[in-house]
PDB file of N, CA and C in Angstrom:
ATOM      1  N   MET A   1     -29.764  35.472  -2.918  1.00  0.00           N
ATOM      2  CA  MET A   1     -29.005  36.593  -3.985  1.00  0.00           C
ATOM      3  C   MET A   1     -28.185  35.513  -4.972  1.00  0.00           C
ATOM      4  N   HIS A   2     -28.435  36.127  -6.188  1.00  0.00           N
ATOM      5  CA  HIS A   2     -28.205  35.604  -7.250  1.00  0.00           C
ATOM      6  C   HIS A   2     -27.026  36.069  -8.235  1.00  0.00           C
ATOM      7  N   GLY A   3     -25.951  35.834  -8.837  1.00  0.00           N
ATOM      8  CA  GLY A   3     -25.370  36.489  -9.743  1.00  0.00           C
ATOM      9  C   GLY A   3     -23.963  36.689  -9.378  1.00  0.00           C
ATOM     10  N   GLN A   4     -23.311  37.691 -10.071  1.00  0.00           N
ATOM     11  CA  GLN A   4     -22.424  37.918  -9.392  1.00  0.00           C
ATOM     12  C   GLN A   4     -22.162  38.659  -7.967  1.00  0.00           C
ATOM     13  N   PRO A   5     -21.505  38.436  -7.019  1.00  0.00           N
ATOM     14  CA  PRO A   5     -21.277  38.765  -5.573  1.00  0.00           C
ATOM     15  C   PRO A   5     -20.802  40.264  -5.485  1.00  0.00           C
ATOM     16  N   ASN A   6     -21.065  40.850  -4.661  1.00  0.00           N
ATOM     17  CA  ASN A   6     -20.691  42.600  -4.392  1.00  0.00           C
ATOM     18  C   ASN A   6     -20.205  42.421  -3.013  1.00  0.00           C
ATOM     19  N   ILE A   7     -18.181  42.352  -3.386  1.00  0.00           N
ATOM     20  CA  ILE A   7     -17.785  42.709  -2.410  1.00  0.00           C
ATOM     21  C   ILE A   7     -18.063  43.783  -1.066  1.00  0.00           C
ATOM     22  N   TYR A   8     -18.548  44.728  -1.374  1.00  0.00           N
ATOM     23  CA  TYR A   8     -18.926  45.853  -0.419  1.00  0.00           C
ATOM     24  C   TYR A   8     -20.139  45.189   0.296  1.00  0.00           C
ATOM     25  N   MET A   9     -21.393  44.376  -0.359  1.00  0.00           N
ATOM     26  CA  MET A   9     -22.171  44.003   0.139  1.00  0.00           C
ATOM     27  C   MET A   9     -22.051  43.132   1.259  1.00  0.00           C
ATOM     28  N   LEU A  10     -21.265  41.992   0.390  1.00  0.00           N
ATOM     29  CA  LEU A  10     -20.763  40.798   1.455  1.00  0.00           C
ATOM     30  C   LEU A  10     -19.764  41.199   2.733  1.00  0.00           C
ATOM     31  N   PHE A  11     -19.062  42.544   2.557  1.00  0.00           N
ATOM     32  CA  PHE A  11     -18.368  42.919   3.921  1.00  0.00           C
ATOM     33  C   PHE A  11     -19.355  43.387   5.113  1.00  0.00           C
ATOM     34  N   MET A  12     -20.101  44.351   4.391  1.00  0.00           N
ATOM     35  CA  MET A  12     -21.066  44.540   5.337  1.00  0.00           C
ATOM     36  C   MET A  12     -22.184  43.658   6.273  1.00  0.00           C
ATOM     37  N   ALA A  13     -22.747  42.755   5.262  1.00  0.00           N
ATOM     38  CA  ALA A  13     -23.208  41.617   6.134  1.00  0.00           C
ATOM     39  C   ALA A  13     -22.572  41.182   6.753  1.00  0.00           C
ATOM     40  N   LYS A  14     -21.567  40.165   6.749  1.00  0.00           N
ATOM     41  CA  LYS A  14     -20.227  39.996   7.484  1.00  0.00           C
ATOM     42  C   LYS A  14     -20.120  40.856   8.539  1.00  0.00           C
ATOM     43  N   SER A  15     -20.091  42.223   8.389  1.00  0.00           N
ATOM     44  CA  SER A  15     -19.586  43.114   9.636  1.00  0.00           C
ATOM     45  C   SER A  15     -20.862  42.994  10.690  1.00  0.00           C
ATOM     46  N   SER A  16     -21.782  43.263  10.152  1.00  0.00           N
ATOM     47  CA  SER A  16     -23.393  43.167  10.906  1.00  0.00           C
ATOM     48  C   SER A  16     -23.392  42.131  11.619  1.00  0.00           C
ATOM     49  N   ASP A  17     -23.060  40.642  10.824  1.00  0.00           N
ATOM     50  CA  ASP A  17     -22.833  39.485  11.477  1.00  0.00           C
ATOM     51  C   ASP A  17     -22.337  39.310  13.238  1.00  0.00           C
ATOM     52  N   ILE A  18     -20.831  40.001  12.943  1.00  0.00           N
ATOM     53  CA  ILE A  18     -19.786  39.903  13.939  1.00  0.00           C
ATOM     54  C   ILE A  18     -19.928  41.106  15.056  1.00  0.00           C
ATOM     55  N   LEU A  19     -20.510  42.170  14.729  1.00  0.00           N
ATOM     56  CA  LEU A  19     -20.730  43.385  15.737  1.00  0.00           C
ATOM     57  C   LEU A  19     -21.329  42.850  16.774  1.00  0.00           C
ATOM     58  N   LYS A  20     -20.642  43.813  17.745  1.00  0.00           N
ATOM     59  CA  LYS A  20     -21.321  43.418  19.428  1.00  0.00           C
ATOM     60  C   LYS A  20     -22.268  43.815  20.029  1.00  0.00           C
ATOM     61  N   GLU A  21     -23.500  43.458  20.534  1.00  0.00           N
ATOM     62  CA  GLU A  21     -24.419  44.451  21.098  1.00  0.00           C
ATOM     63  C   GLU A  21     -24.751  45.955  20.883  1.00  0.00           C
ATOM     64  N   SER A  22     -23.743  46.539  21.377  1.00  0.00           N
ATOM     65  CA  SER A  22     -23.881  48.092  21.317  1.00  0.00           C
ATOM     66  C   SER A  22     -22.987  48.397  20.538  1.00  0.00           C
ATOM     67  N   GLY A  23     -22.454  47.447  19.304  1.00  0.00           N
ATOM     68  CA  GLY A  23     -21.449  47.825  18.491  1.00  0.00           C
ATOM     69  C   GLY A  23     -21.731  48.782  17.511  1.00  0.00           C
ATOM     70  N   GLU A  24     -20.905  49.707  16.671  1.00  0.00           N
ATOM     71  CA  GLU A  24     -21.344  50.740  15.671  1.00  0.00           C
ATOM     72  C   GLU A  24     -20.480  50.130  14.458  1.00  0.00           C
ATOM     73  N   MET A  25     -20.966  50.263  13.464  1.00  0.00           N
ATOM     74  CA  MET A  25     -20.168  50.024  11.670  1.00  0.00           C
ATOM     75  C   MET A  25     -20.556  51.760  11.625  1.00  0.00           C
ATOM     76  N   VAL A  26     -19.710  51.850  10.953  1.00  0.00           N
ATOM     77  CA  VAL A  26     -19.128  53.089   9.534  1.00  0.00           C
ATOM     78  C   VAL A  26     -18.294  52.654   8.519  1.00  0.00           C
ATOM     79  N   PHE A  27     -19.187  53.189   7.388  1.00  0.00           N
ATOM     80  CA  PHE A  27     -19.261  52.496   5.945  1.00  0.00           C
ATOM     81  C   PHE A  27     -18.987  54.114   5.274  1.00  0.00           C
ATOM     82  N   SER A  28     -18.311  54.356   4.329  1.00  0.00           N
ATOM     83  CA  SER A  28     -18.190  55.455   3.224  1.00  0.00           C
ATOM     84  C   SER A  28     -17.966  54.656   1.698  1.00  0.00           C
ATOM     85  N   MET A  29     -19.337  54.893   1.238  1.00  0.00           N
ATOM     86  CA  MET A  29     -19.005  54.339  -0.057  1.00  0.00           C
ATOM     87  C   MET A  29     -20.172  55.334  -1.067  1.00  0.00           C
ATOM     88  N   SER A  30     -20.289  54.717  -2.773  1.00  0.00           N
ATOM     89  CA  SER A  30     -21.017  55.564  -3.224  1.00  0.00           C
ATOM     90  C   SER A  30     -22.291  55.569  -3.021  1.00  0.00           C
ATOM     91  N   ARG A  31     -23.652  56.539  -3.410  1.00  0.00           N
ATOM     92  CA  ARG A  31     -24.852  56.753  -2.838  1.00  0.00           C
ATOM     93  C   ARG A  31     -25.557  55.581  -3.728  1.00  0.00           C
ATOM     94  N   SER A  32     -24.980  55.137  -4.813  1.00  0.00           N
ATOM     95  CA  SER A  32     -26.075  53.973  -5.799  1.00  0.00           C
ATOM     96  C   SER A  32     -25.399  52.925  -5.034  1.00  0.00           C
ATOM     97  N   PHE A  33     -24.991  52.666  -4.306  1.00  0.00           N
ATOM     98  CA  PHE A  33     -24.488  51.438  -3.280  1.00  0.00           C
ATOM     99  C   PHE A  33     -25.901  50.812  -2.981  1.00  0.00           C
ATOM    100  N   ALA A  34     -25.819  49.779  -3.400  1.00  0.00           N
ATOM    101  CA  ALA A  34     -27.288  48.669  -2.834  1.00  0.00           C
ATOM    102  C   ALA A  34     -28.791  49.088  -3.098  1.00  0.00           C
ATOM    103  N   SER A  35     -28.528  49.888  -4.032  1.00  0.00           N
ATOM    104  CA  SER A  35     -29.601  50.624  -4.636  1.00  0.00           C
ATOM    105  C   SER A  35     -30.687  49.717  -5.866  1.00  0.00           C
ATOM    106  N   GLY A  36     -31.629  49.456  -6.171  1.00  0.00           N
ATOM    107  CA  GLY A  36     -32.255  48.550  -7.025  1.00  0.00           C
ATOM    108  C   GLY A  36     -32.328  47.558  -6.502  1.00  0.00           C
ATOM    109  N   ALA A  37     -33.346  46.416  -7.578  1.00  0.00           N
ATOM    110  CA  ALA A  37     -34.168  45.359  -6.853  1.00  0.00           C
ATOM    111  C   ALA A  37     -32.768  43.996  -6.724  1.00  0.00           C
ATOM    112  N   TYR A  38     -31.781  44.661  -7.258  1.00  0.00           N
ATOM    113  CA  TYR A  38     -30.506  43.157  -6.948  1.00  0.00           C
ATOM    114  C   TYR A  38     -30.147  43.183  -5.318  1.00  0.00           C
ATOM    115  N   PHE A  39     -30.130  44.379  -5.024  1.00  0.00           N
ATOM    116  CA  PHE A  39     -29.851  44.301  -3.409  1.00  0.00           C
ATOM    117  C   PHE A  39     -30.952  44.331  -2.462  1.00  0.00           C
ATOM    118  N   LYS A  40     -32.091  44.341  -2.809  1.00  0.00           N
ATOM    119  CA  LYS A  40     -33.524  44.109  -2.202  1.00  0.00           C
ATOM    120  C   LYS A  40     -33.215  43.191  -0.927  1.00  0.00           C
ATOM    121  N   LYS A  41     -32.844  42.041  -1.317  1.00  0.00           N
ATOM    122  CA  LYS A  41     -32.482  40.746  -0.265  1.00  0.00           C
ATOM    123  C   LYS A  41     -31.385  41.627   0.732  1.00  0.00           C
ATOM    124  N   PHE A  42     -30.527  42.394   0.192  1.00  0.00           N
ATOM    125  CA  PHE A  42     -29.322  42.315   1.159  1.00  0.00           C
ATOM    126  C   PHE A  42     -30.219  43.850   2.232  1.00  0.00           C
ATOM    127  N   ARG A  43     -30.556  44.793   1.360  1.00  0.00           N
ATOM    128  CA  ARG A  43     -31.060  46.184   2.734  1.00  0.00           C
ATOM    129  C   ARG A  43     -32.038  45.369   3.544  1.00  0.00           C
ATOM    130  N   GLU A  44     -32.760  44.091   2.907  1.00  0.00           N
ATOM    131  CA  GLU A  44     -33.849  43.421   4.044  1.00  0.00           C
ATOM    132  C   GLU A  44     -33.145  43.005   4.993  1.00  0.00           C
ATOM    133  N   TYR A  45     -32.051  42.429   4.838  1.00  0.00           N
ATOM    134  CA  TYR A  45     -31.226  41.587   5.941  1.00  0.00           C
ATOM    135  C   TYR A  45     -30.518  42.550   6.960  1.00  0.00           C
ATOM    136  N   LEU A  46     -29.995  43.402   5.594  1.00  0.00           N
ATOM    137  CA  LEU A  46     -29.505  44.289   6.927  1.00  0.00           C
ATOM    138  C   LEU A  46     -30.317  44.999   8.179  1.00  0.00           C
ATOM    139  N   LEU A  47     -31.605  45.423   7.768  1.00  0.00           N
ATOM    140  CA  LEU A  47     -32.407  45.730   8.477  1.00  0.00           C
ATOM    141  C   LEU A  47     -33.014  45.285   9.207  1.00  0.00           C
ATOM    142  N   GLU A  48     -32.778  44.078   9.011  1.00  0.00           N
ATOM    143  CA  GLU A  48     -33.491  43.169  10.258  1.00  0.00           C
ATOM    144  C   GLU A  48     -32.636  42.645  11.326  1.00  0.00           C
ATOM    145  N   HIS A  49     -31.263  42.895  10.781  1.00  0.00           N
ATOM    146  CA  HIS A  49     -30.219  42.588  11.692  1.00  0.00           C
ATOM    147  C   HIS A  49     -29.029  43.844  12.043  1.00  0.00           C
ATOM    148  N   SER A  50     -29.771  44.913  11.966  1.00  0.00           N
ATOM    149  CA  SER A  50     -29.091  46.231  12.469  1.00  0.00           C
ATOM    150  C   SER A  50     -30.308  47.049  12.410  1.00  0.00           C
ATOM    151  N   SER A  51     -29.589  48.447  12.950  1.00  0.00           N
ATOM    152  CA  SER A  51     -30.370  49.672  12.865  1.00  0.00           C
ATOM    153  C   SER A  51     -29.543  50.820  12.536  1.00  0.00           C
ATOM    154  N   LEU A  52     -30.076  51.493  11.651  1.00  0.00           N
ATOM    155  CA  LEU A  52     -29.504  52.844  10.879  1.00  0.00           C
ATOM    156  C   LEU A  52     -29.773  54.027  11.866  1.00  0.00           C
ATOM    157  N   ASP A  53     -28.819  54.459  12.307  1.00  0.00           N
ATOM    158  CA  ASP A  53     -28.883  55.715  13.332  1.00  0.00           C
ATOM    159  C   ASP A  53     -28.335  57.190  12.341  1.00  0.00           C
ATOM    160  N   HIS A  54     -27.715  56.897  11.174  1.00  0.00           N
ATOM    161  CA  HIS A  54     -27.558  58.602  10.838  1.00  0.00           C
ATOM    162  C   HIS A  54     -27.168  57.957   9.117  1.00  0.00           C
ATOM    163  N   ILE A  55     -27.324  58.912   8.196  1.00  0.00           N
ATOM    164  CA  ILE A  55     -26.820  58.415   7.099  1.00  0.00           C
ATOM    165  C   ILE A  55     -26.357  60.249   6.665  1.00  0.00           C
ATOM    166  N   HIS A  56     -25.190  60.172   6.296  1.00  0.00           N
ATOM    167  CA  HIS A  56     -24.721  61.623   5.586  1.00  0.00           C
ATOM    168  C   HIS A  56     -24.798  61.300   4.259  1.00  0.00           C
ATOM    169  N   ILE A  57     -25.185  62.294   3.245  1.00  0.00           N
ATOM    170  CA  ILE A  57     -24.429  62.020   1.901  1.00  0.00           C
ATOM    171  C   ILE A  57     -24.031  63.114   1.389  1.00  0.00           C
ATOM    172  N   PHE A  58     -22.779  62.942   0.764  1.00  0.00           N
ATOM    173  CA  PHE A  58     -22.266  64.142   0.377  1.00  0.00           C
ATOM    174  C   PHE A  58     -22.885  64.791  -1.023  1.00  0.00           C
ATOM    175  N   ASN A  59     -22.853  66.302  -0.806  1.00  0.00           N
ATOM    176  CA  ASN A  59     -23.774  66.586  -2.164  1.00  0.00           C
ATOM    177  C   ASN A  59     -22.587  66.513  -3.299  1.00  0.00           C
ATOM    178  N   THR A  60     -21.053  66.663  -3.340  1.00  0.00           N
ATOM    179  CA  THR A  60     -20.007  66.035  -4.559  1.00  0.00           C
ATOM    180  C   THR A  60     -19.328  65.837  -3.854  1.00  0.00           C
ATOM    181  N   ARG A  61     -18.724  65.068  -4.822  1.00  0.00           N
ATOM    182  CA  ARG A  61     -17.193  64.640  -4.351  1.00  0.00           C
ATOM    183  C   ARG A  61     -15.784  65.352  -4.491  1.00  0.00           C
ATOM    184  N   ARG A  62     -15.927  66.303  -5.000  1.00  0.00           N
ATOM    185  CA  ARG A  62     -14.791  67.306  -5.422  1.00  0.00           C
ATOM    186  C   ARG A  62     -14.752  68.286  -4.194  1.00  0.00           C
ATOM    187  N   GLU A  63     -15.550  68.582  -3.157  1.00  0.00           N
ATOM    188  CA  GLU A  63     -15.381  69.413  -2.183  1.00  0.00           C
ATOM    189  C   GLU A  63     -14.733  68.433  -1.269  1.00  0.00           C
ATOM    190  N   HIS A  64     -14.631  67.236  -0.900  1.00  0.00           N
ATOM    191  CA  HIS A  64     -14.087  66.804  -0.156  1.00  0.00           C
ATOM    192  C   HIS A  64     -12.551  65.909  -0.349  1.00  0.00           C
ATOM    193  N   TYR A  65     -12.404  66.326  -1.580  1.00  0.00           N
ATOM    194  CA  TYR A  65     -10.339  66.138  -1.171  1.00  0.00           C
ATOM    195  C   TYR A  65      -9.561  66.401  -0.873  1.00  0.00           C
TER     196      TYR A  65
END
């Protein structure tokens, strides 16, 4: 990765590194997080080192306050 580091990306990458074999990571973040070419290597890294079981996308933030 080049340029300005993203703290969420670094936190998720480190969390996947220290996760136990049957562990679980749960994160809440914006929809646009890790989209675009800048995060391509991060997405590849995360999918190589973990698996996704569930993604939930809220329709709007207003309904959940």
